[in-house]
Amino acid sequence: MPVTAKLSRKFYERFGDELTNELVEWFNQVDATYRSELRELNELNFARFDAKLVSEIERAFGRLETRMATFETRIVRWMFVFWVGTLGTVIALLKL
């Protein structure tokens, strides 16, 4: 939403309508230029932030996958030990 610069009636009376309107137009052009530059800068910063965020998320998921694979290996090993122990106990009980 652009903001249009306005000057007092006294300013218009002192310097004339033509000069004052030219000054107001120049203020508005400067404002529009700064707004567009600020918008471009914000978009650039957001793009960098977005890229960095995606990179960090991918790295975190990579670490999580590694830890889950390690955990899966350990849990399968313990399950095997548990079932071998249970099978040994069941066989020993059946021989009695």
Protein backbone atom coordinates (compact mmCIF):
# COMPACT_ATOMS: atom_id res chain seq x y z
CA MET A 1 0.00 0.00 0.00
CA PRO A 2 1.87 3.08 -1.20
CA VAL A 3 1.86 6.19 0.93
CA THR A 4 1.55 9.41 -1.04
CA ALA A 5 3.55 12.34 0.29
CA LYS A 6 1.48 15.44 1.00
CA LEU A 7 2.69 18.90 1.82
CA SER A 8 0.86 21.72 3.54
CA ARG A 9 -1.09 24.35 1.66
CA LYS A 10 1.39 26.94 2.98
CA PHE A 11 4.19 25.07 1.18
CA TYR A 12 2.17 25.18 -2.05
CA GLU A 13 1.55 28.93 -1.62
CA ARG A 14 5.20 29.68 -0.90
CA PHE A 15 6.83 27.63 -3.71
CA GLY A 16 4.03 27.25 -6.22
CA ASP A 17 1.99 24.26 -7.35
CA GLU A 18 4.37 23.13 -10.09
CA LEU A 19 7.49 22.96 -7.94
CA THR A 20 5.65 21.46 -4.99
CA ASN A 21 3.98 18.78 -7.14
CA GLU A 22 7.36 17.95 -8.65
CA LEU A 23 8.83 17.59 -5.15
CA VAL A 24 5.94 15.39 -4.03
CA GLU A 25 6.37 13.21 -7.13
CA TRP A 26 10.07 12.88 -6.42
CA PHE A 27 9.34 11.84 -2.81
CA ASN A 28 6.91 9.23 -4.08
CA GLN A 29 9.44 7.89 -6.61
CA VAL A 30 12.13 7.62 -3.93
CA ASP A 31 9.65 5.85 -1.65
CA ALA A 32 8.68 3.39 -4.41
CA THR A 33 12.35 2.72 -5.20
CA TYR A 34 13.21 2.03 -1.57
CA ARG A 35 10.17 -0.20 -1.18
CA SER A 36 11.09 -2.29 -4.22
CA GLU A 37 14.71 -2.58 -3.07
CA LEU A 38 13.57 -3.60 0.39
CA ARG A 39 11.21 -6.19 -1.09
CA GLU A 40 14.02 -7.64 -3.24
CA LEU A 41 16.36 -7.74 -0.25
CA ASN A 42 13.73 -9.49 1.87
CA GLU A 43 13.10 -12.06 -0.87
CA LEU A 44 16.83 -12.71 -1.18
CA ASN A 45 17.23 -13.13 2.58
CA PHE A 46 14.21 -15.44 2.74
CA ALA A 47 15.60 -17.56 -0.10
CA ARG A 48 18.92 -17.90 1.74
CA PHE A 49 17.12 -18.73 4.98
CA ASP A 50 14.95 -21.29 3.20
CA ALA A 51 17.97 -22.97 1.60
CA LYS A 52 19.80 -23.09 4.92
CA LEU A 53 16.73 -24.49 6.69
CA VAL A 54 16.28 -27.22 4.08
CA SER A 55 19.98 -28.10 4.39
CA GLU A 56 19.75 -28.34 8.19
CA ILE A 57 16.61 -30.47 8.03
CA GLU A 58 18.21 -32.85 5.52
CA ARG A 59 21.29 -33.15 7.72
CA ALA A 60 19.14 -33.82 10.81
CA PHE A 61 17.18 -36.51 8.99
CA GLY A 62 20.46 -38.09 7.86
CA ARG A 63 21.68 -38.27 11.45
CA LEU A 64 18.32 -39.64 12.56
CA GLU A 65 18.42 -42.36 9.89
CA THR A 66 21.92 -43.35 11.00
CA ARG A 67 20.88 -43.55 14.65
CA MET A 68 17.74 -45.52 13.78
CA ALA A 69 19.79 -48.02 11.75
CA THR A 70 22.18 -48.46 14.68
CA PHE A 71 19.27 -48.91 17.06
CA GLU A 72 17.64 -51.44 14.72
CA THR A 73 20.84 -53.49 14.65
CA ARG A 74 21.09 -53.48 18.43
CA ILE A 75 17.43 -54.38 18.99
CA VAL A 76 17.60 -57.27 16.50
CA ARG A 77 20.68 -58.59 18.30
CA TRP A 78 18.92 -58.43 21.69
CA MET A 79 15.80 -60.05 20.25
CA PHE A 80 17.95 -62.91 18.95
CA VAL A 81 19.60 -63.35 22.36
CA PHE A 82 16.18 -63.27 24.05
CA TRP A 83 14.66 -65.88 21.71
CA VAL A 84 17.70 -68.19 21.93
CA GLY A 85 17.51 -67.97 25.72
CA THR A 86 13.77 -68.64 25.66
CA LEU A 87 14.19 -71.54 23.24
CA GLY A 88 16.93 -73.01 25.46
CA THR A 89 14.67 -72.71 28.51
CA VAL A 90 11.71 -74.32 26.69
CA ILE A 91 13.90 -77.22 25.45
CA ALA A 92 15.32 -77.74 28.95
CA LEU A 93 11.80 -77.78 30.42
CA LEU A 94 10.55 -80.23 27.81
CA LYS A 95 13.42 -82.68 28.57
CA LEU A 96 12.41 -82.79 32.23
